[in-house]
Amino acid sequence: MKLIKIGLLAALFSLLFNTDIFAQSADYQFLTNIKPDMQRKVLANELFLSPDGKHIIVNYGNKPTFIVAYSTEDWKQVAIFRLTDWVDFSSAYVDTTNQQFYVKISRASTQYHRLDMKEKTQDIIPCDITPRGCPHIEIKMDVKSLYTKDKKYYIAINKQNKREVKIYQLRTDK
């Protein structure tokens, strides 16, 4: 009896944490894969969706880190940035124009990378000149999957091939 319970729990966890099965069972169908357009084989670490829903931003690699922005209209790469150190998205945000992406250099730093997705430029600035200033940052779990605000798309790092990000679209045939 105990073995059956363990088997059922294992099946439940597999169902919950397998992206393909979860997306299919939630009325989503596979649409496409996105991966960085570069020679280096880097793994996706985190996802970030811009507040306007027009860009999905992916954190690849660790040292160096590559930040890649994709358009949610056609899933094409919009901009790519190479950062010398590892960064995480716990402090990341987009400005009110949804053009500049800010990410802290490190958790203990007071400096930010300012990445301009339209101009494809980057620089390092002190936190006091960022739009949000120098707030206390809470450490967050890495975002490995998310929905767009309108729930039209489910986006997840592929667990079998972490170079890819899978895009699922809400089924329209139901």
N, C-alpha and C. Protein backbone atom coordinates (compact mmCIF):
# COMPACT_ATOMS: atom_id res chain seq x y z
N MET A 1 0.83 -1.20 0.00
CA MET A 1 0.00 0.00 0.00
C MET A 1 0.87 1.26 0.00
N LYS A 2 1.94 1.23 0.82
CA LYS A 2 2.84 2.38 0.89
C LYS A 2 3.52 2.62 -0.46
N LEU A 3 3.87 1.54 -1.16
CA LEU A 3 4.51 1.63 -2.46
C LEU A 3 3.56 2.25 -3.50
N ILE A 4 2.28 1.93 -3.41
CA ILE A 4 1.29 2.49 -4.33
C ILE A 4 1.16 4.00 -4.09
N LYS A 5 1.13 4.42 -2.82
CA LYS A 5 1.03 5.84 -2.50
C LYS A 5 2.24 6.60 -3.03
N ILE A 6 3.43 6.02 -2.86
CA ILE A 6 4.65 6.66 -3.35
C ILE A 6 4.60 6.77 -4.87
N GLY A 7 4.12 5.73 -5.53
CA GLY A 7 4.01 5.73 -6.99
C GLY A 7 3.03 6.80 -7.46
N LEU A 8 1.90 6.91 -6.78
CA LEU A 8 0.91 7.93 -7.13
C LEU A 8 1.46 9.33 -6.93
N LEU A 9 2.18 9.54 -5.82
CA LEU A 9 2.80 10.85 -5.58
C LEU A 9 3.84 11.17 -6.64
N ALA A 10 4.64 10.20 -7.02
CA ALA A 10 5.65 10.41 -8.06
C ALA A 10 4.97 10.77 -9.39
N ALA A 11 3.88 10.09 -9.71
CA ALA A 11 3.16 10.39 -10.95
C ALA A 11 2.56 11.79 -10.90
N LEU A 12 2.04 12.18 -9.75
CA LEU A 12 1.46 13.51 -9.60
C LEU A 12 2.53 14.59 -9.77
N PHE A 13 3.69 14.42 -9.12
CA PHE A 13 4.77 15.39 -9.28
C PHE A 13 5.25 15.46 -10.72
N SER A 14 5.35 14.31 -11.37
CA SER A 14 5.76 14.29 -12.77
C SER A 14 4.77 15.05 -13.63
N LEU A 15 3.50 14.87 -13.35
CA LEU A 15 2.46 15.56 -14.09
C LEU A 15 2.52 17.07 -13.87
N LEU A 16 2.71 17.48 -12.63
CA LEU A 16 2.75 18.90 -12.30
C LEU A 16 3.98 19.60 -12.84
N PHE A 17 5.11 18.92 -12.86
CA PHE A 17 6.36 19.58 -13.21
C PHE A 17 6.84 19.30 -14.63
N ASN A 18 6.11 18.53 -15.39
CA ASN A 18 6.47 18.31 -16.78
C ASN A 18 5.76 19.37 -17.62
N THR A 19 6.49 20.26 -18.21
CA THR A 19 5.94 21.40 -18.94
C THR A 19 4.97 20.96 -20.02
N ASP A 20 5.34 19.98 -20.83
CA ASP A 20 4.48 19.56 -21.94
C ASP A 20 3.13 19.07 -21.45
N ILE A 21 3.14 18.19 -20.46
CA ILE A 21 1.89 17.64 -19.96
C ILE A 21 1.07 18.72 -19.30
N PHE A 22 1.70 19.60 -18.51
CA PHE A 22 0.96 20.67 -17.83
C PHE A 22 0.30 21.59 -18.84
N ALA A 23 1.06 22.01 -19.84
CA ALA A 23 0.52 22.95 -20.82
C ALA A 23 -0.61 22.32 -21.62
N GLN A 24 -0.46 21.07 -22.00
CA GLN A 24 -1.51 20.40 -22.77
C GLN A 24 -2.76 20.21 -21.93
N SER A 25 -2.61 19.85 -20.67
CA SER A 25 -3.77 19.60 -19.82
C SER A 25 -4.47 20.90 -19.44
N ALA A 26 -3.80 22.03 -19.58
CA ALA A 26 -4.38 23.32 -19.21
C ALA A 26 -4.93 24.05 -20.44
N ASP A 27 -5.30 23.29 -21.46
CA ASP A 27 -5.88 23.86 -22.68
C ASP A 27 -4.90 24.73 -23.47
N TYR A 28 -3.63 24.43 -23.39
CA TYR A 28 -2.62 25.12 -24.19
C TYR A 28 -2.01 24.12 -25.16
N GLN A 29 -1.65 24.60 -26.33
CA GLN A 29 -0.99 23.76 -27.31
C GLN A 29 0.37 24.35 -27.65
N PHE A 30 1.32 23.47 -27.95
CA PHE A 30 2.67 23.91 -28.28
C PHE A 30 2.64 24.80 -29.52
N LEU A 31 3.36 25.94 -29.45
CA LEU A 31 3.44 26.87 -30.56
C LEU A 31 4.84 26.87 -31.18
N THR A 32 5.87 27.12 -30.36
CA THR A 32 7.23 27.21 -30.90
C THR A 32 8.26 27.13 -29.77
N ASN A 33 9.51 26.95 -30.14
CA ASN A 33 10.65 27.06 -29.24
C ASN A 33 11.40 28.33 -29.60
N ILE A 34 11.97 28.97 -28.59
CA ILE A 34 12.89 30.07 -28.87
C ILE A 34 14.22 29.74 -28.20
N LYS A 35 15.29 30.13 -28.84
CA LYS A 35 16.62 29.97 -28.26
C LYS A 35 17.51 31.07 -28.80
N PRO A 36 18.57 31.38 -28.06
CA PRO A 36 19.41 32.52 -28.46
C PRO A 36 20.12 32.28 -29.78
N ASP A 37 20.26 33.34 -30.54
CA ASP A 37 20.95 33.28 -31.83
C ASP A 37 22.43 33.58 -31.59
N MET A 38 23.13 32.57 -31.07
CA MET A 38 24.56 32.73 -30.82
C MET A 38 25.24 31.37 -30.88
N GLN A 39 26.54 31.38 -31.09
CA GLN A 39 27.31 30.15 -31.19
C GLN A 39 27.45 29.43 -29.85
N ARG A 40 27.63 30.21 -28.81
CA ARG A 40 27.86 29.65 -27.48
C ARG A 40 26.62 28.90 -26.99
N LYS A 41 26.82 27.74 -26.41
CA LYS A 41 25.71 26.92 -25.92
C LYS A 41 25.46 27.26 -24.45
N VAL A 42 24.55 28.16 -24.24
CA VAL A 42 24.22 28.61 -22.89
C VAL A 42 22.84 28.10 -22.49
N LEU A 43 22.64 27.98 -21.17
CA LEU A 43 21.37 27.48 -20.65
C LEU A 43 20.51 28.63 -20.15
N ALA A 44 19.22 28.50 -20.32
CA ALA A 44 18.28 29.51 -19.82
C ALA A 44 18.14 29.35 -18.31
N ASN A 45 18.23 30.45 -17.58
CA ASN A 45 18.12 30.44 -16.12
C ASN A 45 16.80 31.00 -15.62
N GLU A 46 16.38 32.12 -16.21
CA GLU A 46 15.20 32.84 -15.71
C GLU A 46 14.45 33.51 -16.85
N LEU A 47 13.17 33.78 -16.58
CA LEU A 47 12.31 34.49 -17.52
C LEU A 47 11.78 35.76 -16.89
N PHE A 48 11.53 36.76 -17.73
CA PHE A 48 10.95 38.02 -17.28
C PHE A 48 10.04 38.51 -18.40
N LEU A 49 8.81 38.87 -18.06
CA LEU A 49 7.87 39.40 -19.04
C LEU A 49 7.72 40.90 -18.79
N SER A 50 7.89 41.69 -19.85
CA SER A 50 7.73 43.14 -19.69
C SER A 50 6.29 43.46 -19.31
N PRO A 51 6.07 44.53 -18.54
CA PRO A 51 4.71 44.88 -18.10
C PRO A 51 3.72 45.07 -19.24
N ASP A 52 4.19 45.55 -20.39
CA ASP A 52 3.27 45.72 -21.53
C ASP A 52 3.04 44.42 -22.28
N GLY A 53 3.75 43.35 -21.89
CA GLY A 53 3.57 42.05 -22.52
C GLY A 53 4.19 41.92 -23.90
N LYS A 54 4.97 42.89 -24.33
CA LYS A 54 5.54 42.87 -25.68
C LYS A 54 6.88 42.16 -25.78
N HIS A 55 7.54 41.93 -24.62
CA HIS A 55 8.85 41.29 -24.63
C HIS A 55 8.95 40.22 -23.55
N ILE A 56 9.56 39.12 -23.93
CA ILE A 56 9.98 38.12 -22.94
C ILE A 56 11.50 38.25 -22.89
N ILE A 57 12.04 38.37 -21.69
CA ILE A 57 13.47 38.55 -21.52
C ILE A 57 14.00 37.32 -20.80
N VAL A 58 15.06 36.74 -21.35
CA VAL A 58 15.61 35.49 -20.83
C VAL A 58 17.05 35.71 -20.39
N ASN A 59 17.38 35.18 -19.21
CA ASN A 59 18.71 35.22 -18.64
C ASN A 59 19.38 33.89 -18.99
N TYR A 60 20.45 33.93 -19.78
CA TYR A 60 21.19 32.73 -20.19
C TYR A 60 22.60 32.76 -19.61
N GLY A 61 23.13 31.59 -19.31
CA GLY A 61 24.52 31.47 -18.90
C GLY A 61 24.75 31.92 -17.48
N ASN A 62 26.03 32.09 -17.13
CA ASN A 62 26.37 32.57 -15.79
C ASN A 62 27.56 33.50 -15.78
N LYS A 63 28.64 33.20 -16.43
CA LYS A 63 29.79 34.09 -16.45
C LYS A 63 30.51 33.89 -17.78
N PRO A 64 30.22 34.63 -18.77
CA PRO A 64 29.34 35.79 -18.80
C PRO A 64 27.86 35.39 -18.84
N THR A 65 27.02 36.36 -18.58
CA THR A 65 25.57 36.19 -18.68
C THR A 65 25.10 36.88 -19.95
N PHE A 66 24.18 36.24 -20.63
CA PHE A 66 23.57 36.84 -21.81
C PHE A 66 22.11 37.12 -21.50
N ILE A 67 21.69 38.34 -21.72
CA ILE A 67 20.30 38.73 -21.54
C ILE A 67 19.74 38.91 -22.95
N VAL A 68 18.71 38.14 -23.27
CA VAL A 68 18.15 38.17 -24.62
C VAL A 68 16.67 38.55 -24.53
N ALA A 69 16.28 39.55 -25.33
CA ALA A 69 14.89 39.99 -25.39
C ALA A 69 14.27 39.47 -26.69
N TYR A 70 13.06 38.93 -26.57
CA TYR A 70 12.30 38.43 -27.71
C TYR A 70 10.97 39.17 -27.79
N SER A 71 10.48 39.39 -28.98
CA SER A 71 9.17 39.99 -29.19
C SER A 71 8.10 38.92 -29.00
N THR A 72 7.04 39.24 -28.28
CA THR A 72 5.96 38.27 -28.11
C THR A 72 4.99 38.30 -29.29
N GLU A 73 5.20 39.20 -30.23
CA GLU A 73 4.37 39.23 -31.43
C GLU A 73 4.76 38.13 -32.41
N ASP A 74 6.09 37.93 -32.59
CA ASP A 74 6.56 36.94 -33.55
C ASP A 74 7.62 36.00 -32.97
N TRP A 75 7.97 36.16 -31.70
CA TRP A 75 8.95 35.33 -30.98
C TRP A 75 10.35 35.44 -31.58
N LYS A 76 10.63 36.53 -32.25
CA LYS A 76 11.96 36.77 -32.80
C LYS A 76 12.82 37.53 -31.78
N GLN A 77 14.13 37.29 -31.87
CA GLN A 77 15.08 37.97 -30.99
C GLN A 77 15.13 39.46 -31.34
N VAL A 78 14.98 40.30 -30.33
CA VAL A 78 14.99 41.75 -30.51
C VAL A 78 16.34 42.34 -30.15
N ALA A 79 16.93 41.86 -29.05
CA ALA A 79 18.21 42.40 -28.58
C ALA A 79 18.93 41.33 -27.76
N ILE A 80 20.25 41.42 -27.76
CA ILE A 80 21.07 40.52 -26.95
C ILE A 80 22.16 41.36 -26.28
N PHE A 81 22.37 41.07 -24.99
CA PHE A 81 23.38 41.80 -24.22
C PHE A 81 24.28 40.80 -23.53
N ARG A 82 25.56 41.09 -23.54
CA ARG A 82 26.56 40.26 -22.86
C ARG A 82 27.03 41.00 -21.62
N LEU A 83 26.82 40.40 -20.45
CA LEU A 83 27.24 40.98 -19.17
C LEU A 83 28.39 40.14 -18.64
N THR A 84 29.40 40.78 -18.08
CA THR A 84 30.60 40.05 -17.66
C THR A 84 30.38 39.12 -16.49
N ASP A 85 29.44 39.44 -15.61
CA ASP A 85 29.21 38.60 -14.43
C ASP A 85 27.84 37.95 -14.47
N TRP A 86 27.63 37.08 -13.50
CA TRP A 86 26.33 36.44 -13.33
C TRP A 86 25.37 37.45 -12.70
N VAL A 87 24.16 37.51 -13.21
CA VAL A 87 23.11 38.35 -12.62
C VAL A 87 21.85 37.51 -12.45
N ASP A 88 20.98 37.96 -11.55
CA ASP A 88 19.67 37.31 -11.44
C ASP A 88 18.61 38.38 -11.59
N PHE A 89 17.39 37.94 -11.82
CA PHE A 89 16.30 38.87 -12.11
C PHE A 89 15.51 39.28 -10.87
N SER A 90 15.98 38.96 -9.66
CA SER A 90 15.22 39.34 -8.46
C SER A 90 15.08 40.85 -8.33
N SER A 91 16.01 41.60 -8.90
CA SER A 91 15.95 43.07 -8.83
C SER A 91 15.57 43.69 -10.17
N ALA A 92 15.27 42.89 -11.16
CA ALA A 92 15.06 43.39 -12.52
C ALA A 92 13.70 44.06 -12.70
N TYR A 93 13.70 45.08 -13.55
CA TYR A 93 12.45 45.72 -13.94
C TYR A 93 12.65 46.48 -15.24
N VAL A 94 11.54 46.87 -15.84
CA VAL A 94 11.55 47.64 -17.08
C VAL A 94 11.01 49.03 -16.76
N ASP A 95 11.56 50.05 -17.40
CA ASP A 95 11.07 51.41 -17.15
C ASP A 95 9.67 51.60 -17.73
N THR A 96 9.10 52.77 -17.51
CA THR A 96 7.72 53.03 -17.93
C THR A 96 7.54 53.05 -19.45
N THR A 97 8.62 53.22 -20.20
CA THR A 97 8.52 53.20 -21.66
C THR A 97 8.64 51.77 -22.20
N ASN A 98 8.95 50.82 -21.33
CA ASN A 98 9.16 49.42 -21.71
C ASN A 98 10.30 49.29 -22.72
N GLN A 99 11.24 50.20 -22.65
CA GLN A 99 12.38 50.20 -23.56
C GLN A 99 13.67 49.84 -22.83
N GLN A 100 13.82 50.27 -21.58
CA GLN A 100 15.05 50.03 -20.84
C GLN A 100 14.81 49.01 -19.74
N PHE A 101 15.71 48.04 -19.69
CA PHE A 101 15.64 46.96 -18.72
C PHE A 101 16.76 47.19 -17.72
N TYR A 102 16.41 47.14 -16.44
CA TYR A 102 17.39 47.36 -15.36
C TYR A 102 17.57 46.08 -14.58
N VAL A 103 18.82 45.69 -14.37
CA VAL A 103 19.12 44.52 -13.56
C VAL A 103 20.37 44.82 -12.73
N LYS A 104 20.29 44.50 -11.44
CA LYS A 104 21.40 44.77 -10.53
C LYS A 104 22.63 43.97 -10.91
N ILE A 105 23.80 44.58 -10.74
CA ILE A 105 25.05 43.90 -11.07
C ILE A 105 25.23 42.64 -10.22
N SER A 106 24.93 42.73 -8.95
CA SER A 106 24.92 41.57 -8.05
C SER A 106 23.98 41.92 -6.90
N ARG A 107 23.64 40.94 -6.12
CA ARG A 107 22.68 41.19 -5.04
C ARG A 107 23.17 42.24 -4.05
N ALA A 108 24.47 42.32 -3.82
CA ALA A 108 25.01 43.26 -2.84
C ALA A 108 25.40 44.60 -3.45
N SER A 109 25.32 44.72 -4.74
CA SER A 109 25.78 45.92 -5.42
C SER A 109 24.75 47.05 -5.34
N THR A 110 25.23 48.27 -5.54
CA THR A 110 24.34 49.43 -5.65
C THR A 110 24.33 49.94 -7.09
N GLN A 111 24.86 49.15 -8.01
CA GLN A 111 24.89 49.53 -9.41
C GLN A 111 24.00 48.60 -10.24
N TYR A 112 23.49 49.16 -11.32
CA TYR A 112 22.60 48.42 -12.22
C TYR A 112 23.16 48.43 -13.64
N HIS A 113 22.86 47.35 -14.36
CA HIS A 113 23.04 47.35 -15.80
C HIS A 113 21.79 47.98 -16.38
N ARG A 114 21.96 48.97 -17.24
CA ARG A 114 20.83 49.56 -17.96
C ARG A 114 20.93 49.06 -19.40
N LEU A 115 19.96 48.27 -19.83
CA LEU A 115 19.96 47.66 -21.15
C LEU A 115 18.84 48.27 -21.97
N ASP A 116 19.20 48.95 -23.03
CA ASP A 116 18.20 49.60 -23.88
C ASP A 116 17.86 48.66 -25.03
N MET A 117 16.65 48.12 -25.00
CA MET A 117 16.24 47.12 -25.99
C MET A 117 16.02 47.71 -27.38
N LYS A 118 15.66 48.98 -27.45
CA LYS A 118 15.44 49.61 -28.75
C LYS A 118 16.76 50.02 -29.39
N GLU A 119 17.61 50.71 -28.64
CA GLU A 119 18.89 51.19 -29.17
C GLU A 119 19.98 50.11 -29.12
N LYS A 120 19.72 49.03 -28.38
CA LYS A 120 20.67 47.92 -28.21
C LYS A 120 21.99 48.38 -27.59
N THR A 121 21.87 49.26 -26.59
CA THR A 121 23.04 49.76 -25.87
C THR A 121 22.94 49.32 -24.42
N GLN A 122 24.07 49.33 -23.74
CA GLN A 122 24.09 48.98 -22.32
C GLN A 122 25.13 49.82 -21.61
N ASP A 123 24.85 50.10 -20.35
CA ASP A 123 25.82 50.79 -19.52
C ASP A 123 25.56 50.42 -18.06
N ILE A 124 26.46 50.84 -17.20
CA ILE A 124 26.34 50.58 -15.77
C ILE A 124 26.11 51.92 -15.09
N ILE A 125 25.08 51.96 -14.24
CA ILE A 125 24.73 53.21 -13.57
C ILE A 125 24.51 52.96 -12.09
N PRO A 126 24.71 53.97 -11.25
CA PRO A 126 24.41 53.81 -9.82
C PRO A 126 22.89 53.74 -9.62
N CYS A 127 22.48 53.04 -8.58
CA CYS A 127 21.04 52.84 -8.35
C CYS A 127 20.28 54.14 -8.15
N ASP A 128 20.94 55.18 -7.61
CA ASP A 128 20.20 56.41 -7.33
C ASP A 128 19.75 57.16 -8.58
N ILE A 129 20.24 56.79 -9.77
CA ILE A 129 19.72 57.44 -10.98
C ILE A 129 18.81 56.51 -11.80
N THR A 130 18.50 55.34 -11.27
CA THR A 130 17.53 54.46 -11.93
C THR A 130 16.13 54.98 -11.62
N PRO A 131 15.13 54.61 -12.40
CA PRO A 131 13.77 55.08 -12.14
C PRO A 131 13.24 54.73 -10.73
N ARG A 132 13.69 53.65 -10.16
CA ARG A 132 13.21 53.24 -8.83
C ARG A 132 14.16 53.60 -7.69
N GLY A 133 15.27 54.20 -8.00
CA GLY A 133 16.21 54.55 -6.95
C GLY A 133 16.93 53.33 -6.38
N CYS A 134 17.12 53.32 -5.06
CA CYS A 134 17.86 52.26 -4.39
C CYS A 134 16.98 51.50 -3.38
N PRO A 135 15.96 50.83 -3.84
CA PRO A 135 15.08 50.14 -2.89
C PRO A 135 15.74 48.88 -2.33
N HIS A 136 15.24 48.45 -1.18
CA HIS A 136 15.66 47.16 -0.63
C HIS A 136 15.06 46.07 -1.51
N ILE A 137 15.86 45.11 -1.92
CA ILE A 137 15.40 44.06 -2.82
C ILE A 137 15.21 42.76 -2.04
N GLU A 138 14.04 42.19 -2.18
CA GLU A 138 13.76 40.88 -1.60
C GLU A 138 14.28 39.81 -2.56
N ILE A 139 14.91 38.80 -2.02
CA ILE A 139 15.38 37.69 -2.84
C ILE A 139 14.16 36.87 -3.26
N LYS A 140 14.06 36.54 -4.55
CA LYS A 140 12.93 35.79 -5.09
C LYS A 140 13.43 34.51 -5.74
N MET A 141 12.51 33.60 -5.90
CA MET A 141 12.81 32.37 -6.64
C MET A 141 12.94 32.72 -8.13
N ASP A 142 13.79 32.00 -8.83
CA ASP A 142 13.92 32.20 -10.27
C ASP A 142 12.60 31.85 -10.95
N VAL A 143 12.19 32.66 -11.89
CA VAL A 143 10.96 32.39 -12.65
C VAL A 143 11.33 31.51 -13.84
N LYS A 144 10.84 30.28 -13.83
CA LYS A 144 11.14 29.31 -14.89
C LYS A 144 9.97 29.16 -15.86
N SER A 145 8.79 29.62 -15.47
CA SER A 145 7.62 29.58 -16.34
C SER A 145 6.68 30.70 -15.94
N LEU A 146 5.88 31.15 -16.90
CA LEU A 146 4.94 32.24 -16.63
C LEU A 146 3.87 32.28 -17.71
N TYR A 147 2.80 33.00 -17.40
CA TYR A 147 1.73 33.26 -18.35
C TYR A 147 1.78 34.73 -18.73
N THR A 148 1.37 35.05 -19.95
CA THR A 148 1.19 36.45 -20.30
C THR A 148 -0.04 36.95 -19.54
N LYS A 149 -0.15 38.26 -19.39
CA LYS A 149 -1.27 38.83 -18.61
C LYS A 149 -2.63 38.40 -19.12
N ASP A 150 -2.78 38.31 -20.43
CA ASP A 150 -4.06 37.91 -21.01
C ASP A 150 -4.26 36.39 -21.03
N LYS A 151 -3.28 35.65 -20.49
CA LYS A 151 -3.30 34.18 -20.43
C LYS A 151 -3.30 33.52 -21.82
N LYS A 152 -2.98 34.29 -22.85
CA LYS A 152 -2.95 33.74 -24.21
C LYS A 152 -1.76 32.79 -24.39
N TYR A 153 -0.65 33.07 -23.69
CA TYR A 153 0.56 32.25 -23.84
C TYR A 153 1.05 31.76 -22.49
N TYR A 154 1.57 30.54 -22.51
CA TYR A 154 2.28 29.97 -21.38
C TYR A 154 3.71 29.79 -21.86
N ILE A 155 4.69 30.32 -21.12
CA ILE A 155 6.08 30.33 -21.54
C ILE A 155 6.89 29.62 -20.46
N ALA A 156 7.74 28.68 -20.86
CA ALA A 156 8.50 27.90 -19.88
C ALA A 156 9.84 27.47 -20.43
N ILE A 157 10.84 27.45 -19.55
CA ILE A 157 12.14 26.90 -19.91
C ILE A 157 11.95 25.40 -20.09
N ASN A 158 12.43 24.87 -21.19
CA ASN A 158 12.31 23.44 -21.48
C ASN A 158 13.16 22.64 -20.48
N LYS A 159 12.55 21.75 -19.75
CA LYS A 159 13.26 20.98 -18.74
C LYS A 159 14.18 19.93 -19.34
N GLN A 160 13.88 19.48 -20.56
CA GLN A 160 14.73 18.47 -21.20
C GLN A 160 15.90 19.11 -21.97
N ASN A 161 15.75 20.34 -22.41
CA ASN A 161 16.80 21.05 -23.13
C ASN A 161 16.77 22.50 -22.67
N LYS A 162 17.55 22.84 -21.68
CA LYS A 162 17.48 24.15 -21.05
C LYS A 162 18.02 25.28 -21.91
N ARG A 163 18.44 24.99 -23.13
CA ARG A 163 18.80 26.05 -24.08
C ARG A 163 17.54 26.65 -24.69
N GLU A 164 16.45 25.91 -24.65
CA GLU A 164 15.21 26.33 -25.30
C GLU A 164 14.19 26.84 -24.30
N VAL A 165 13.38 27.75 -24.79
CA VAL A 165 12.21 28.22 -24.05
C VAL A 165 11.01 27.84 -24.91
N LYS A 166 10.07 27.12 -24.31
CA LYS A 166 8.89 26.65 -25.04
C LYS A 166 7.76 27.66 -24.90
N ILE A 167 7.07 27.86 -26.00
CA ILE A 167 5.93 28.75 -26.04
C ILE A 167 4.68 27.92 -26.35
N TYR A 168 3.67 28.08 -25.50
CA TYR A 168 2.38 27.42 -25.70
C TYR A 168 1.32 28.49 -25.87
N GLN A 169 0.35 28.22 -26.73
CA GLN A 169 -0.74 29.16 -26.98
C GLN A 169 -2.06 28.55 -26.52
N LEU A 170 -2.91 29.39 -25.97
CA LEU A 170 -4.22 28.94 -25.55
C LEU A 170 -4.96 28.38 -26.75
N ARG A 171 -5.56 27.22 -26.55
CA ARG A 171 -6.30 26.58 -27.65
C ARG A 171 -7.51 27.44 -28.03
N THR A 172 -7.73 27.55 -29.31
CA THR A 172 -8.91 28.28 -29.79
C THR A 172 -9.97 27.33 -30.31
N ASP A 173 -9.65 26.03 -30.33
CA ASP A 173 -10.59 25.05 -30.87
C ASP A 173 -11.54 24.48 -29.82
N LYS A 174 -11.55 25.05 -28.62
CA LYS A 174 -12.42 24.53 -27.56
C LYS A 174 -13.60 25.42 -27.34
